[in-house]
């Protein structure tokens, strides 16, 4: 019997610590795949992989639009994070990640999904090479 893989984004997978977020943006590195920019940092905190998402209110004045984009980002990340999570756990490292939507128009789910896929593959490669 084949076991199905479950996809979760639990409360402790979310990046909430103000201290870690400040450290992430001051000392972290970034990579971009249009329309998403990812800032990452190998941190020393409790969980192996924590993630936050953000959308600029400069380009999206309505909270409805910002919240929709954040939902799309979290969903695309949730469905594709398993490989990165396994690599981070195998290498016994701790990764903080922040996904920032930098586009100026409302995206489709396919655009977000593809960009997130490329970012997570690059991060997977970076984690492999880091240790």
N, C-alpha and C. Protein backbone atom coordinates (compact mmCIF):
# COMPACT_ATOMS: atom_id res chain seq x y z
N UNK A 1 0.84 -1.19 0.00
CA UNK A 1 0.00 0.00 0.00
C UNK A 1 0.88 1.24 0.00
N UNK A 2 0.57 2.17 -0.85
CA UNK A 2 1.36 3.40 -1.00
C UNK A 2 0.90 4.44 0.02
N UNK A 3 1.88 5.09 0.67
CA UNK A 3 1.51 6.15 1.62
C UNK A 3 1.45 7.47 0.90
N UNK A 4 0.41 8.23 1.20
CA UNK A 4 0.25 9.54 0.60
C UNK A 4 1.03 10.56 1.40
N UNK A 5 1.62 11.48 0.68
CA UNK A 5 2.35 12.55 1.33
C UNK A 5 1.38 13.66 1.73
N UNK A 6 1.52 14.13 2.97
CA UNK A 6 0.64 15.19 3.46
C UNK A 6 1.39 16.51 3.43
N UNK A 7 0.68 17.56 3.13
CA UNK A 7 1.28 18.88 3.03
C UNK A 7 0.68 19.78 4.11
N UNK A 8 1.54 20.25 5.01
CA UNK A 8 1.07 21.10 6.10
C UNK A 8 1.88 22.39 6.14
N UNK A 9 1.27 23.41 6.66
CA UNK A 9 1.97 24.63 7.03
C UNK A 9 1.47 24.96 8.43
N UNK A 10 2.17 24.42 9.42
CA UNK A 10 1.73 24.53 10.80
C UNK A 10 2.14 25.86 11.42
N UNK A 11 1.62 26.11 12.59
CA UNK A 11 1.87 27.37 13.29
C UNK A 11 3.37 27.58 13.55
N UNK A 12 4.07 26.52 13.95
CA UNK A 12 5.50 26.69 14.26
C UNK A 12 6.38 26.71 13.02
N UNK A 13 5.79 26.56 11.82
CA UNK A 13 6.53 26.71 10.57
C UNK A 13 6.55 28.16 10.10
N UNK A 14 5.75 29.00 10.75
CA UNK A 14 5.66 30.40 10.35
C UNK A 14 6.70 31.23 11.10
N UNK A 15 7.29 32.14 10.39
CA UNK A 15 8.31 33.02 10.95
C UNK A 15 7.63 34.21 11.60
N UNK A 16 7.70 34.28 12.93
CA UNK A 16 7.00 35.34 13.65
C UNK A 16 7.92 36.18 14.53
N UNK A 17 9.05 35.64 14.90
CA UNK A 17 9.94 36.31 15.83
C UNK A 17 10.52 37.58 15.22
N UNK A 18 10.27 38.71 15.85
CA UNK A 18 10.76 39.98 15.36
C UNK A 18 12.29 39.99 15.33
N UNK A 19 12.90 39.37 16.32
CA UNK A 19 14.37 39.31 16.42
C UNK A 19 14.95 38.54 15.22
N UNK A 20 14.37 37.40 14.90
CA UNK A 20 14.86 36.58 13.79
C UNK A 20 14.61 37.29 12.45
N UNK A 21 13.47 37.96 12.33
CA UNK A 21 13.15 38.68 11.08
C UNK A 21 14.14 39.81 10.86
N UNK A 22 14.48 40.56 11.94
CA UNK A 22 15.47 41.63 11.81
C UNK A 22 16.83 41.08 11.42
N UNK A 23 17.21 39.97 12.03
CA UNK A 23 18.49 39.32 11.70
C UNK A 23 18.47 38.83 10.25
N UNK A 24 17.36 38.30 9.83
CA UNK A 24 17.20 37.80 8.46
C UNK A 24 17.45 38.91 7.44
N UNK A 25 16.84 40.08 7.66
CA UNK A 25 16.98 41.17 6.70
C UNK A 25 18.32 41.89 6.81
N UNK A 26 18.96 41.86 7.97
CA UNK A 26 20.24 42.54 8.10
C UNK A 26 21.41 41.66 7.65
N UNK A 27 21.34 40.37 7.90
CA UNK A 27 22.46 39.48 7.60
C UNK A 27 22.17 38.46 6.51
N UNK A 28 20.92 38.36 6.07
CA UNK A 28 20.54 37.33 5.12
C UNK A 28 20.95 37.63 3.69
N UNK A 29 20.86 36.61 2.87
CA UNK A 29 21.14 36.73 1.43
C UNK A 29 19.81 36.63 0.70
N UNK A 30 19.80 37.09 -0.55
CA UNK A 30 18.54 37.02 -1.29
C UNK A 30 18.75 36.49 -2.69
N UNK A 31 17.66 35.99 -3.23
CA UNK A 31 17.64 35.59 -4.63
C UNK A 31 16.27 35.95 -5.19
N UNK A 32 16.23 36.23 -6.48
CA UNK A 32 14.99 36.70 -7.10
C UNK A 32 14.62 35.87 -8.30
N UNK A 33 13.35 35.58 -8.40
CA UNK A 33 12.75 35.01 -9.60
C UNK A 33 11.48 35.82 -9.79
N UNK A 34 11.43 36.57 -10.87
CA UNK A 34 10.31 37.48 -11.07
C UNK A 34 8.99 36.74 -10.97
N UNK A 35 8.06 37.13 -10.16
CA UNK A 35 7.87 38.34 -9.35
C UNK A 35 8.10 38.12 -7.85
N UNK A 36 8.93 37.14 -7.47
CA UNK A 36 9.14 36.86 -6.05
C UNK A 36 10.62 37.05 -5.70
N UNK A 37 10.85 37.66 -4.56
CA UNK A 37 12.21 37.78 -4.01
C UNK A 37 12.24 36.99 -2.72
N UNK A 38 13.26 36.16 -2.56
CA UNK A 38 13.39 35.36 -1.34
C UNK A 38 14.62 35.83 -0.58
N UNK A 39 14.44 36.09 0.71
CA UNK A 39 15.55 36.43 1.59
C UNK A 39 15.71 35.24 2.54
N UNK A 40 16.93 34.71 2.63
CA UNK A 40 17.14 33.53 3.47
C UNK A 40 18.35 33.73 4.37
N UNK A 41 18.34 33.01 5.47
CA UNK A 41 19.41 33.12 6.45
C UNK A 41 19.48 31.81 7.23
N UNK A 42 20.69 31.29 7.38
CA UNK A 42 20.88 30.09 8.20
C UNK A 42 20.97 30.55 9.65
N UNK A 43 19.90 30.32 10.40
CA UNK A 43 19.79 30.86 11.75
C UNK A 43 19.90 29.75 12.79
N UNK A 44 20.02 30.15 14.01
CA UNK A 44 20.02 29.21 15.13
C UNK A 44 18.76 29.44 15.94
N UNK A 45 17.71 28.80 15.53
CA UNK A 45 16.46 28.88 16.28
C UNK A 45 15.86 27.48 16.39
N UNK A 46 14.75 27.37 17.04
CA UNK A 46 14.18 26.08 17.40
C UNK A 46 13.80 25.21 16.21
N UNK A 47 13.03 25.74 15.29
CA UNK A 47 12.52 24.95 14.18
C UNK A 47 13.53 24.88 13.04
N UNK A 48 13.47 23.83 12.23
CA UNK A 48 14.42 23.67 11.12
C UNK A 48 14.17 24.64 9.98
N UNK A 49 12.91 24.88 9.64
CA UNK A 49 12.58 25.73 8.50
C UNK A 49 11.38 26.60 8.86
N UNK A 50 11.58 27.90 8.86
CA UNK A 50 10.49 28.83 9.14
C UNK A 50 10.38 29.82 8.00
N UNK A 51 9.15 30.19 7.66
CA UNK A 51 8.91 31.03 6.50
C UNK A 51 7.90 32.13 6.81
N UNK A 52 8.12 33.30 6.19
CA UNK A 52 7.17 34.39 6.24
C UNK A 52 6.91 34.89 4.83
N UNK A 53 5.78 35.56 4.64
CA UNK A 53 5.45 36.12 3.33
C UNK A 53 5.04 37.58 3.49
N UNK A 54 5.26 38.36 2.42
CA UNK A 54 4.95 39.77 2.47
C UNK A 54 4.61 40.29 1.08
N UNK A 55 3.75 41.32 1.06
CA UNK A 55 3.37 41.99 -0.18
C UNK A 55 3.39 43.49 0.10
N UNK A 56 3.94 44.25 -0.82
CA UNK A 56 4.07 45.69 -0.64
C UNK A 56 2.71 46.39 -0.73
N UNK A 57 2.47 47.28 0.24
CA UNK A 57 1.23 48.05 0.19
C UNK A 57 1.37 49.25 -0.75
N UNK A 58 2.58 49.48 -1.22
CA UNK A 58 2.80 50.56 -2.18
C UNK A 58 2.14 50.23 -3.52
N UNK A 59 2.26 48.98 -3.94
CA UNK A 59 1.71 48.57 -5.23
C UNK A 59 0.27 48.08 -5.12
N UNK A 60 -0.09 47.58 -3.94
CA UNK A 60 -1.44 47.05 -3.74
C UNK A 60 -2.08 47.76 -2.57
N UNK A 61 -2.86 48.78 -2.89
CA UNK A 61 -3.46 49.63 -1.85
C UNK A 61 -4.54 48.88 -1.07
N UNK A 62 -5.26 47.98 -1.74
CA UNK A 62 -6.36 47.27 -1.09
C UNK A 62 -5.84 46.03 -0.35
N UNK A 63 -6.26 45.92 0.91
CA UNK A 63 -5.84 44.77 1.72
C UNK A 63 -6.34 43.45 1.11
N UNK A 64 -7.47 43.51 0.43
CA UNK A 64 -8.02 42.31 -0.21
C UNK A 64 -7.01 41.73 -1.21
N UNK A 65 -6.40 42.61 -2.01
CA UNK A 65 -5.42 42.17 -3.00
C UNK A 65 -4.16 41.63 -2.33
N UNK A 66 -3.67 42.34 -1.33
CA UNK A 66 -2.47 41.89 -0.61
C UNK A 66 -2.70 40.52 0.03
N UNK A 67 -3.85 40.36 0.67
CA UNK A 67 -4.15 39.09 1.34
C UNK A 67 -4.29 37.95 0.34
N UNK A 68 -4.86 38.24 -0.83
CA UNK A 68 -4.98 37.19 -1.85
C UNK A 68 -3.61 36.72 -2.32
N UNK A 69 -2.71 37.67 -2.56
CA UNK A 69 -1.37 37.32 -3.02
C UNK A 69 -0.64 36.53 -1.94
N UNK A 70 -0.80 36.93 -0.69
CA UNK A 70 -0.15 36.20 0.41
C UNK A 70 -0.69 34.78 0.51
N UNK A 71 -2.01 34.62 0.31
CA UNK A 71 -2.59 33.28 0.33
C UNK A 71 -2.02 32.42 -0.79
N UNK A 72 -1.89 33.02 -1.99
CA UNK A 72 -1.32 32.28 -3.13
C UNK A 72 0.13 31.88 -2.85
N UNK A 73 0.91 32.80 -2.28
CA UNK A 73 2.31 32.51 -1.94
C UNK A 73 2.40 31.37 -0.94
N UNK A 74 1.62 31.46 0.13
CA UNK A 74 1.67 30.41 1.17
C UNK A 74 1.25 29.06 0.60
N UNK A 75 0.24 29.04 -0.26
CA UNK A 75 -0.24 27.78 -0.83
C UNK A 75 0.81 27.16 -1.76
N UNK A 76 1.41 27.97 -2.62
CA UNK A 76 2.45 27.46 -3.52
C UNK A 76 3.64 26.94 -2.72
N UNK A 77 4.01 27.65 -1.67
CA UNK A 77 5.11 27.23 -0.81
C UNK A 77 4.76 25.92 -0.08
N UNK A 78 3.56 25.86 0.46
CA UNK A 78 3.13 24.69 1.24
C UNK A 78 3.19 23.41 0.41
N UNK A 79 2.80 23.50 -0.86
CA UNK A 79 2.76 22.31 -1.70
C UNK A 79 4.14 21.88 -2.20
N UNK A 80 5.14 22.77 -2.13
CA UNK A 80 6.44 22.46 -2.71
C UNK A 80 7.59 22.42 -1.72
N UNK A 81 7.33 22.66 -0.46
CA UNK A 81 8.40 22.82 0.52
C UNK A 81 9.01 21.51 1.00
N UNK A 82 8.38 20.37 0.73
CA UNK A 82 8.81 19.12 1.34
C UNK A 82 10.25 18.73 1.01
N UNK A 83 10.67 18.92 -0.25
CA UNK A 83 12.05 18.57 -0.62
C UNK A 83 13.05 19.44 0.13
N UNK A 84 12.79 20.72 0.19
CA UNK A 84 13.67 21.64 0.91
C UNK A 84 13.70 21.29 2.39
N UNK A 85 12.55 20.99 2.95
CA UNK A 85 12.48 20.65 4.37
C UNK A 85 13.28 19.39 4.69
N UNK A 86 13.18 18.38 3.83
CA UNK A 86 13.94 17.14 4.02
C UNK A 86 15.44 17.42 3.97
N UNK A 87 15.86 18.24 3.01
CA UNK A 87 17.28 18.57 2.87
C UNK A 87 17.79 19.32 4.09
N UNK A 88 17.02 20.28 4.58
CA UNK A 88 17.42 21.06 5.75
C UNK A 88 17.56 20.15 6.97
N UNK A 89 16.63 19.22 7.13
CA UNK A 89 16.68 18.30 8.27
C UNK A 89 17.85 17.34 8.13
N UNK A 90 18.08 16.80 6.92
CA UNK A 90 19.21 15.90 6.69
C UNK A 90 20.54 16.56 7.00
N UNK A 91 20.68 17.81 6.59
CA UNK A 91 21.93 18.54 6.79
C UNK A 91 22.02 19.13 8.21
N UNK A 92 20.98 18.92 9.00
CA UNK A 92 20.89 19.41 10.37
C UNK A 92 21.18 20.91 10.45
N UNK A 93 20.58 21.66 9.54
CA UNK A 93 20.73 23.11 9.57
C UNK A 93 19.37 23.74 9.85
N UNK A 94 19.38 25.04 10.06
CA UNK A 94 18.16 25.76 10.36
C UNK A 94 18.07 26.95 9.43
N UNK A 95 16.98 27.03 8.69
CA UNK A 95 16.84 28.03 7.64
C UNK A 95 15.63 28.91 7.91
N UNK A 96 15.85 30.22 7.86
CA UNK A 96 14.75 31.19 7.91
C UNK A 96 14.58 31.73 6.50
N UNK A 97 13.34 31.84 6.06
CA UNK A 97 13.06 32.23 4.68
C UNK A 97 11.92 33.24 4.68
N UNK A 98 12.06 34.28 3.86
CA UNK A 98 11.00 35.27 3.72
C UNK A 98 10.73 35.46 2.24
N UNK A 99 9.49 35.24 1.82
CA UNK A 99 9.10 35.41 0.43
C UNK A 99 8.39 36.74 0.27
N UNK A 100 8.88 37.57 -0.64
CA UNK A 100 8.33 38.90 -0.86
C UNK A 100 7.84 38.99 -2.30
N UNK A 101 6.58 39.35 -2.47
CA UNK A 101 6.04 39.53 -3.81
C UNK A 101 6.42 40.93 -4.29
N UNK A 102 7.15 41.02 -5.41
CA UNK A 102 7.65 42.31 -5.89
C UNK A 102 6.96 42.79 -7.15
N UNK A 103 6.03 42.01 -7.69
CA UNK A 103 5.32 42.41 -8.91
C UNK A 103 4.38 43.58 -8.67
N UNK A 104 3.89 44.14 -9.76
CA UNK A 104 3.00 45.30 -9.66
C UNK A 104 1.58 44.99 -10.09
N UNK A 105 1.35 43.79 -10.62
CA UNK A 105 0.00 43.39 -11.03
C UNK A 105 -0.41 42.13 -10.28
N UNK A 106 -1.71 41.94 -10.18
CA UNK A 106 -2.21 40.73 -9.52
C UNK A 106 -1.77 39.51 -10.32
N UNK A 107 -1.11 38.56 -9.67
CA UNK A 107 -0.60 37.39 -10.39
C UNK A 107 -1.65 36.28 -10.48
N UNK A 108 -1.39 35.34 -11.37
CA UNK A 108 -2.18 34.12 -11.39
C UNK A 108 -1.48 33.10 -10.49
N UNK A 109 -2.21 32.09 -10.10
CA UNK A 109 -1.62 31.06 -9.24
C UNK A 109 -0.46 30.36 -9.96
N UNK A 110 -0.60 30.15 -11.26
CA UNK A 110 0.45 29.46 -12.03
C UNK A 110 1.76 30.24 -12.00
N UNK A 111 1.68 31.57 -12.11
CA UNK A 111 2.91 32.40 -12.06
C UNK A 111 3.59 32.25 -10.71
N UNK A 112 2.82 32.34 -9.64
CA UNK A 112 3.36 32.22 -8.29
C UNK A 112 3.95 30.83 -8.08
N UNK A 113 3.22 29.81 -8.50
CA UNK A 113 3.66 28.43 -8.31
C UNK A 113 5.00 28.17 -9.01
N UNK A 114 5.12 28.63 -10.26
CA UNK A 114 6.35 28.42 -11.02
C UNK A 114 7.53 29.16 -10.41
N UNK A 115 7.33 30.41 -10.02
CA UNK A 115 8.42 31.19 -9.42
C UNK A 115 8.84 30.58 -8.09
N UNK A 116 7.87 30.15 -7.30
CA UNK A 116 8.17 29.52 -6.00
C UNK A 116 8.93 28.22 -6.21
N UNK A 117 8.57 27.47 -7.22
CA UNK A 117 9.26 26.22 -7.53
C UNK A 117 10.74 26.46 -7.83
N UNK A 118 11.03 27.45 -8.66
CA UNK A 118 12.41 27.77 -9.02
C UNK A 118 13.19 28.21 -7.78
N UNK A 119 12.58 29.06 -6.96
CA UNK A 119 13.25 29.54 -5.74
C UNK A 119 13.56 28.39 -4.80
N UNK A 120 12.60 27.50 -4.58
CA UNK A 120 12.82 26.39 -3.66
C UNK A 120 13.87 25.41 -4.18
N UNK A 121 13.93 25.21 -5.50
CA UNK A 121 14.98 24.35 -6.06
C UNK A 121 16.36 24.97 -5.86
N UNK A 122 16.47 26.30 -6.07
CA UNK A 122 17.75 26.97 -5.85
C UNK A 122 18.16 26.90 -4.38
N UNK A 123 17.21 27.11 -3.49
CA UNK A 123 17.51 27.03 -2.06
C UNK A 123 17.93 25.62 -1.66
N UNK A 124 17.30 24.63 -2.25
CA UNK A 124 17.67 23.25 -1.99
C UNK A 124 19.13 23.00 -2.36
N UNK A 125 19.52 23.53 -3.52
CA UNK A 125 20.89 23.40 -3.97
C UNK A 125 21.86 24.14 -3.03
N UNK A 126 21.46 25.32 -2.58
CA UNK A 126 22.28 26.13 -1.66
C UNK A 126 22.48 25.40 -0.34
N UNK A 127 21.41 24.79 0.18
CA UNK A 127 21.51 24.05 1.45
C UNK A 127 22.44 22.86 1.29
N UNK A 128 22.34 22.16 0.12
CA UNK A 128 23.25 21.03 -0.14
C UNK A 128 24.70 21.47 -0.12
N UNK A 129 24.98 22.62 -0.76
CA UNK A 129 26.36 23.09 -0.87
C UNK A 129 26.87 23.73 0.41
N UNK A 130 25.97 24.24 1.24
CA UNK A 130 26.38 24.94 2.46
C UNK A 130 27.04 24.02 3.47
N UNK A 131 26.59 22.77 3.53
CA UNK A 131 27.18 21.86 4.53
C UNK A 131 28.07 20.85 3.84
